[in-house]
Amino acid sequence: MNLKDSLLENPLVYGLWSKPLDTQKHDALRQVLPHREGLRVLDVGCGPATNTGWFDADGYFGIDYNPAYIEQASRRFPERSFAVQDAAALDVGGRQFDLVLVNSLLHHLTDDQGKSMLAALAPALAPNGFVILNEPLIPPRGSWFKQFMMKGDRGAFFRSHTQYLDLFAPAYTVAAEHAYEMRLLGLAGWSMMIFKLVLS
């Protein structure tokens, strides 16, 4: 692990880095998730409670592989439930959720890991439940700043739109999509895509 990645494992450092980006992500998520009240939410890769305040305390469960993130999240939101877990080996005690949120995690996983995670999430979906994924796309050639940001990202598995669709099939169907640009220092640093998935 390089120095940058090691520093970002610290919840305080990560929070400072991500705060300007979180607002942009939340604005985009509203396009496919306009109503959040009353949802039972499984927040996969919740980090140090990056999205937690968006949702009702009752029915919220956040997981992350980083114990320091979970410790910070539990301090910030003691009335909500959190656990250190690997999303590909999910244990939610038989509970089911209306929404499973996977915010900028899949591009950290290989195809095999991503498929394992998606398979593990399926039993946690309530009837009529859905998955929201928010992920960066491979930038086009010649887009120097987007290429620079991709290479500096902790995630090593950026994908094209088609590659994401291949990853979801055949277990999931895309019910909605929303594309947007994530800006940093006034420049478009990532081309992002939000997918709303339902079980096929």
C-alpha atoms as a PDB file:
ATOM      1  CA  MET A   1       0.000   0.000   0.000  1.00  0.00           C
ATOM      2  CA  ASN A   2       1.459   3.369  -0.990  1.00  0.00           C
ATOM      3  CA  LEU A   3       1.573   6.415   1.322  1.00  0.00           C
ATOM      4  CA  LYS A   4      -1.514   8.083  -0.182  1.00  0.00           C
ATOM      5  CA  ASP A   5      -3.646   4.969   0.170  1.00  0.00           C
ATOM      6  CA  SER A   6      -2.357   4.400   3.692  1.00  0.00           C
ATOM      7  CA  LEU A   7      -3.282   7.965   4.680  1.00  0.00           C
ATOM      8  CA  LEU A   8      -6.777   7.593   3.223  1.00  0.00           C
ATOM      9  CA  GLU A   9      -7.361   4.556   5.441  1.00  0.00           C
ATOM     10  CA  ASN A  10      -7.423   7.066   8.307  1.00  0.00           C
ATOM     11  CA  PRO A  11     -11.048   8.218   8.700  1.00  0.00           C
ATOM     12  CA  LEU A  12     -10.153  11.837   9.440  1.00  0.00           C
ATOM     13  CA  VAL A  13      -7.895  12.134   6.376  1.00  0.00           C
ATOM     14  CA  TYR A  14     -10.461  10.352   4.231  1.00  0.00           C
ATOM     15  CA  GLY A  15     -13.220  12.651   5.480  1.00  0.00           C
ATOM     16  CA  LEU A  16     -11.248  15.790   4.566  1.00  0.00           C
ATOM     17  CA  TRP A  17     -10.485  14.391   1.105  1.00  0.00           C
ATOM     18  CA  SER A  18     -13.987  13.183   0.337  1.00  0.00           C
ATOM     19  CA  LYS A  19     -16.085  16.029   1.752  1.00  0.00           C
ATOM     20  CA  PRO A  20     -15.991  18.228  -1.404  1.00  0.00           C
ATOM     21  CA  LEU A  21     -16.912  15.160  -3.487  1.00  0.00           C
ATOM     22  CA  ASP A  22     -19.661  13.833  -1.216  1.00  0.00           C
ATOM     23  CA  THR A  23     -21.972  16.772  -1.964  1.00  0.00           C
ATOM     24  CA  GLN A  24     -21.666  16.128  -5.696  1.00  0.00           C
ATOM     25  CA  LYS A  25     -22.387  12.420  -5.212  1.00  0.00           C
ATOM     26  CA  HIS A  26     -25.420  13.139  -3.038  1.00  0.00           C
ATOM     27  CA  ASP A  27     -26.818  15.631  -5.550  1.00  0.00           C
ATOM     28  CA  ALA A  28     -26.534  12.960  -8.243  1.00  0.00           C
ATOM     29  CA  LEU A  29     -27.994  10.213  -6.059  1.00  0.00           C
ATOM     30  CA  ARG A  30     -31.119  12.332  -5.557  1.00  0.00           C
ATOM     31  CA  GLN A  31     -31.847  11.855  -9.266  1.00  0.00           C
ATOM     32  CA  VAL A  32     -32.494   8.120  -8.763  1.00  0.00           C
ATOM     33  CA  LEU A  33     -33.357   8.199  -5.068  1.00  0.00           C
ATOM     34  CA  PRO A  34     -35.675  11.173  -4.496  1.00  0.00           C
ATOM     35  CA  HIS A  35     -37.476   9.582  -1.529  1.00  0.00           C
ATOM     36  CA  ARG A  36     -35.380   8.071   1.273  1.00  0.00           C
ATOM     37  CA  GLU A  37     -37.721   8.241   4.246  1.00  0.00           C
ATOM     38  CA  GLY A  38     -38.743   4.956   5.832  1.00  0.00           C
ATOM     39  CA  LEU A  39     -36.345   2.787   3.832  1.00  0.00           C
ATOM     40  CA  ARG A  40     -34.504  -0.092   5.454  1.00  0.00           C
ATOM     41  CA  VAL A  41     -30.969   0.560   4.197  1.00  0.00           C
ATOM     42  CA  LEU A  42     -27.868  -1.601   3.913  1.00  0.00           C
ATOM     43  CA  ASP A  43     -24.945   0.761   3.271  1.00  0.00           C
ATOM     44  CA  VAL A  44     -22.135  -1.340   1.794  1.00  0.00           C
ATOM     45  CA  GLY A  45     -18.704   0.270   2.084  1.00  0.00           C
ATOM     46  CA  CYS A  46     -20.157   2.948   4.342  1.00  0.00           C
ATOM     47  CA  GLY A  47     -16.738   4.396   5.195  1.00  0.00           C
ATOM     48  CA  PRO A  48     -16.687   6.710   8.240  1.00  0.00           C
ATOM     49  CA  ALA A  49     -20.471   7.279   7.850  1.00  0.00           C
ATOM     50  CA  THR A  50     -20.176   9.096   4.526  1.00  0.00           C
ATOM     51  CA  ASN A  51     -23.857   8.597   3.604  1.00  0.00           C
ATOM     52  CA  THR A  52     -25.336   7.626   6.967  1.00  0.00           C
ATOM     53  CA  GLY A  53     -26.977  10.940   7.819  1.00  0.00           C
ATOM     54  CA  TRP A  54     -29.037  10.670   4.649  1.00  0.00           C
ATOM     55  CA  PHE A  55     -31.189   7.880   6.051  1.00  0.00           C
ATOM     56  CA  ASP A  56     -33.482   7.179   8.982  1.00  0.00           C
ATOM     57  CA  ALA A  57     -31.775   5.601  11.986  1.00  0.00           C
ATOM     58  CA  ASP A  58     -34.388   2.856  12.204  1.00  0.00           C
ATOM     59  CA  GLY A  59     -33.525   0.104   9.736  1.00  0.00           C
ATOM     60  CA  TYR A  60     -30.059   1.425   8.799  1.00  0.00           C
ATOM     61  CA  PHE A  61     -27.064  -0.957   8.786  1.00  0.00           C
ATOM     62  CA  GLY A  62     -23.630   0.137   7.562  1.00  0.00           C
ATOM     63  CA  ILE A  63     -20.710  -2.178   6.825  1.00  0.00           C
ATOM     64  CA  ASP A  64     -17.085  -1.576   5.869  1.00  0.00           C
ATOM     65  CA  TYR A  65     -13.935  -3.699   5.887  1.00  0.00           C
ATOM     66  CA  ASN A  66     -11.933  -0.925   7.642  1.00  0.00           C
ATOM     67  CA  PRO A  67     -12.314  -1.112  11.467  1.00  0.00           C
ATOM     68  CA  ALA A  68     -11.164   2.509  11.849  1.00  0.00           C
ATOM     69  CA  TYR A  69     -13.958   3.697   9.538  1.00  0.00           C
ATOM     70  CA  ILE A  70     -16.549   1.694  11.492  1.00  0.00           C
ATOM     71  CA  GLU A  71     -15.260   3.007  14.819  1.00  0.00           C
ATOM     72  CA  GLN A  72     -15.576   6.587  13.556  1.00  0.00           C
ATOM     73  CA  ALA A  73     -19.028   5.915  12.083  1.00  0.00           C
ATOM     74  CA  SER A  74     -20.260   4.416  15.367  1.00  0.00           C
ATOM     75  CA  ARG A  75     -19.045   7.463  17.288  1.00  0.00           C
ATOM     76  CA  ARG A  76     -20.757   9.862  14.899  1.00  0.00           C
ATOM     77  CA  PHE A  77     -24.054   7.963  14.769  1.00  0.00           C
ATOM     78  CA  PRO A  78     -24.366   5.871  17.952  1.00  0.00           C
ATOM     79  CA  GLU A  79     -28.083   5.267  17.322  1.00  0.00           C
ATOM     80  CA  ARG A  80     -27.352   3.408  14.068  1.00  0.00           C
ATOM     81  CA  SER A  81     -25.937  -0.080  13.500  1.00  0.00           C
ATOM     82  CA  PHE A  82     -22.516  -0.742  11.970  1.00  0.00           C
ATOM     83  CA  ALA A  83     -20.240  -3.746  11.560  1.00  0.00           C
ATOM     84  CA  VAL A  84     -16.821  -4.601  10.151  1.00  0.00           C
ATOM     85  CA  GLN A  85     -17.598  -6.946   7.273  1.00  0.00           C
ATOM     86  CA  ASP A  86     -16.428  -8.069   3.873  1.00  0.00           C
ATOM     87  CA  ALA A  87     -19.300  -7.400   1.471  1.00  0.00           C
ATOM     88  CA  ALA A  88     -18.588 -10.630  -0.410  1.00  0.00           C
ATOM     89  CA  ALA A  89     -19.146 -12.605   2.813  1.00  0.00           C
ATOM     90  CA  LEU A  90     -22.170 -10.694   4.008  1.00  0.00           C
ATOM     91  CA  ASP A  91     -23.841 -11.566   7.309  1.00  0.00           C
ATOM     92  CA  VAL A  92     -26.928  -9.496   8.113  1.00  0.00           C
ATOM     93  CA  GLY A  93     -28.607 -12.071  10.310  1.00  0.00           C
ATOM     94  CA  GLY A  94     -31.353 -12.862   7.817  1.00  0.00           C
ATOM     95  CA  ARG A  95     -32.547  -9.261   7.635  1.00  0.00           C
ATOM     96  CA  GLN A  96     -33.770  -7.800   4.368  1.00  0.00           C
ATOM     97  CA  PHE A  97     -33.506  -4.251   3.095  1.00  0.00           C
ATOM     98  CA  ASP A  98     -35.472  -2.004   0.761  1.00  0.00           C
ATOM     99  CA  LEU A  99     -32.268  -0.361  -0.459  1.00  0.00           C
ATOM    100  CA  VAL A 100     -28.724  -1.645  -0.718  1.00  0.00           C
ATOM    101  CA  LEU A 101     -26.384   1.299  -1.380  1.00  0.00           C
ATOM    102  CA  VAL A 102     -22.941   0.577  -2.842  1.00  0.00           C
ATOM    103  CA  ASN A 103     -21.298   3.971  -3.208  1.00  0.00           C
ATOM    104  CA  SER A 104     -17.979   3.954  -5.117  1.00  0.00           C
ATOM    105  CA  LEU A 105     -16.880   0.490  -4.012  1.00  0.00           C
ATOM    106  CA  LEU A 106     -17.154  -1.735  -7.074  1.00  0.00           C
ATOM    107  CA  HIS A 107     -14.173  -0.132  -8.833  1.00  0.00           C
ATOM    108  CA  HIS A 108     -12.006  -1.367  -5.949  1.00  0.00           C
ATOM    109  CA  LEU A 109     -12.962  -4.983  -6.700  1.00  0.00           C
ATOM    110  CA  THR A 110     -11.946  -7.441  -9.407  1.00  0.00           C
ATOM    111  CA  ASP A 111     -14.702  -8.906 -11.570  1.00  0.00           C
ATOM    112  CA  ASP A 112     -14.736 -12.084  -9.462  1.00  0.00           C
ATOM    113  CA  GLN A 113     -14.898 -10.108  -6.225  1.00  0.00           C
ATOM    114  CA  GLY A 114     -17.621  -7.862  -7.651  1.00  0.00           C
ATOM    115  CA  LYS A 115     -19.724 -10.831  -8.740  1.00  0.00           C
ATOM    116  CA  SER A 116     -19.293 -12.437  -5.316  1.00  0.00           C
ATOM    117  CA  MET A 117     -20.426  -9.243  -3.631  1.00  0.00           C
ATOM    118  CA  LEU A 118     -23.467  -8.845  -5.887  1.00  0.00           C
ATOM    119  CA  ALA A 119     -24.419 -12.481  -5.299  1.00  0.00           C
ATOM    120  CA  ALA A 120     -24.110 -11.997  -1.527  1.00  0.00           C
ATOM    121  CA  LEU A 121     -26.365  -8.931  -1.663  1.00  0.00           C
ATOM    122  CA  ALA A 122     -29.260 -10.663  -3.434  1.00  0.00           C
ATOM    123  CA  PRO A 123     -30.644 -12.528  -0.376  1.00  0.00           C
ATOM    124  CA  ALA A 124     -30.549  -9.269   1.614  1.00  0.00           C
ATOM    125  CA  LEU A 125     -33.009  -7.579  -0.773  1.00  0.00           C
ATOM    126  CA  ALA A 126     -36.604  -7.364   0.380  1.00  0.00           C
ATOM    127  CA  PRO A 127     -39.380  -7.947  -2.161  1.00  0.00           C
ATOM    128  CA  ASN A 128     -39.375  -4.872  -4.412  1.00  0.00           C
ATOM    129  CA  GLY A 129     -35.975  -3.931  -2.986  1.00  0.00           C
ATOM    130  CA  PHE A 130     -33.226  -2.506  -5.180  1.00  0.00           C
ATOM    131  CA  VAL A 131     -29.492  -1.825  -5.321  1.00  0.00           C
ATOM    132  CA  ILE A 132     -28.003   1.599  -6.048  1.00  0.00           C
ATOM    133  CA  LEU A 133     -24.415   1.607  -7.317  1.00  0.00           C
ATOM    134  CA  ASN A 134     -22.421   4.790  -7.907  1.00  0.00           C
ATOM    135  CA  GLU A 135     -19.245   4.139  -9.909  1.00  0.00           C
ATOM    136  CA  PRO A 136     -16.669   5.898 -12.123  1.00  0.00           C
ATOM    137  CA  LEU A 137     -16.296   5.033 -15.800  1.00  0.00           C
ATOM    138  CA  ILE A 138     -13.061   4.545 -17.727  1.00  0.00           C
ATOM    139  CA  PRO A 139     -12.244   8.007 -19.084  1.00  0.00           C
ATOM    140  CA  PRO A 140     -11.963   8.606 -22.824  1.00  0.00           C
ATOM    141  CA  ARG A 141      -8.563   8.828 -24.479  1.00  0.00           C
ATOM    142  CA  GLY A 142      -7.164  12.326 -24.653  1.00  0.00           C
ATOM    143  CA  SER A 143      -8.900  13.439 -21.457  1.00  0.00           C
ATOM    144  CA  TRP A 144      -5.668  14.093 -19.571  1.00  0.00           C
ATOM    145  CA  PHE A 145      -7.158  15.244 -16.269  1.00  0.00           C
ATOM    146  CA  LYS A 146      -9.639  12.365 -16.089  1.00  0.00           C
ATOM    147  CA  GLN A 147      -6.842   9.921 -16.893  1.00  0.00           C
ATOM    148  CA  PHE A 148      -4.709  11.545 -14.192  1.00  0.00           C
ATOM    149  CA  MET A 149      -7.499  11.247 -11.613  1.00  0.00           C
ATOM    150  CA  MET A 150      -8.183   7.628 -12.551  1.00  0.00           C
ATOM    151  CA  LYS A 151      -4.516   6.705 -12.082  1.00  0.00           C
ATOM    152  CA  GLY A 152      -4.457   8.474  -8.710  1.00  0.00           C
ATOM    153  CA  ASP A 153      -7.612   6.764  -7.450  1.00  0.00           C
ATOM    154  CA  ARG A 154      -7.334   3.946  -4.894  1.00  0.00           C
ATOM    155  CA  GLY A 155      -9.612   1.827  -7.091  1.00  0.00           C
ATOM    156  CA  ALA A 156      -7.742  -0.165  -9.739  1.00  0.00           C
ATOM    157  CA  PHE A 157     -10.772  -1.527 -11.618  1.00  0.00           C
ATOM    158  CA  PHE A 158     -12.446   1.290 -13.496  1.00  0.00           C
ATOM    159  CA  ARG A 159     -14.867  -0.136 -16.079  1.00  0.00           C
ATOM    160  CA  SER A 160     -16.755   0.964 -19.154  1.00  0.00           C
ATOM    161  CA  HIS A 161     -20.531   1.172 -19.131  1.00  0.00           C
ATOM    162  CA  THR A 162     -20.723  -2.118 -21.027  1.00  0.00           C
ATOM    163  CA  GLN A 163     -18.360  -3.848 -18.606  1.00  0.00           C
ATOM    164  CA  TYR A 164     -20.553  -2.836 -15.677  1.00  0.00           C
ATOM    165  CA  LEU A 165     -23.627  -4.208 -17.429  1.00  0.00           C
ATOM    166  CA  ASP A 166     -21.798  -7.481 -18.060  1.00  0.00           C
ATOM    167  CA  LEU A 167     -20.903  -7.644 -14.372  1.00  0.00           C
ATOM    168  CA  PHE A 168     -24.535  -7.212 -13.289  1.00  0.00           C
ATOM    169  CA  ALA A 169     -25.968  -9.828 -15.668  1.00  0.00           C
ATOM    170  CA  PRO A 170     -27.679 -12.224 -15.438  1.00  0.00           C
ATOM    171  CA  ALA A 171     -28.646 -11.794 -11.763  1.00  0.00           C
ATOM    172  CA  TYR A 172     -29.660  -8.133 -11.987  1.00  0.00           C
ATOM    173  CA  THR A 173     -31.549  -5.890 -14.398  1.00  0.00           C
ATOM    174  CA  VAL A 174     -30.797  -2.165 -14.718  1.00  0.00           C
ATOM    175  CA  ALA A 175     -34.004  -0.293 -13.845  1.00  0.00           C
ATOM    176  CA  ALA A 176     -32.537   3.231 -14.138  1.00  0.00           C
ATOM    177  CA  GLU A 177     -29.283   5.052 -14.830  1.00  0.00           C
ATOM    178  CA  HIS A 178     -27.941   8.545 -14.226  1.00  0.00           C
ATOM    179  CA  ALA A 179     -24.657   9.887 -15.667  1.00  0.00           C
ATOM    180  CA  TYR A 180     -22.827  12.905 -14.232  1.00  0.00           C
ATOM    181  CA  GLU A 181     -19.404  14.514 -13.966  1.00  0.00           C
ATOM    182  CA  MET A 182     -17.496  14.726 -10.690  1.00  0.00           C
ATOM    183  CA  ARG A 183     -15.556  17.970 -10.582  1.00  0.00           C
ATOM    184  CA  LEU A 184     -12.325  18.726  -8.745  1.00  0.00           C
ATOM    185  CA  LEU A 185     -10.542  22.076  -8.845  1.00  0.00           C
ATOM    186  CA  GLY A 186     -13.093  23.198 -11.425  1.00  0.00           C
ATOM    187  CA  LEU A 187     -12.241  20.353 -13.803  1.00  0.00           C
ATOM    188  CA  ALA A 188     -14.200  17.177 -14.590  1.00  0.00           C
ATOM    189  CA  GLY A 189     -12.150  14.537 -12.793  1.00  0.00           C
ATOM    190  CA  TRP A 190     -14.380  11.474 -13.084  1.00  0.00           C
ATOM    191  CA  SER A 191     -17.230  10.473 -15.360  1.00  0.00           C
ATOM    192  CA  MET A 192     -19.701   8.806 -13.012  1.00  0.00           C
ATOM    193  CA  MET A 193     -22.665   6.496 -13.503  1.00  0.00           C
ATOM    194  CA  ILE A 194     -25.378   5.610 -11.029  1.00  0.00           C
ATOM    195  CA  PHE A 195     -27.148   2.303 -11.646  1.00  0.00           C
ATOM    196  CA  LYS A 196     -30.409   1.220 -10.047  1.00  0.00           C
ATOM    197  CA  LEU A 197     -30.542  -2.571 -10.087  1.00  0.00           C
ATOM    198  CA  VAL A 198     -33.365  -4.997  -9.401  1.00  0.00           C
ATOM    199  CA  LEU A 199     -33.197  -8.774  -9.302  1.00  0.00           C
ATOM    200  CA  SER A 200     -33.866 -10.362 -12.684  1.00  0.00           C
END
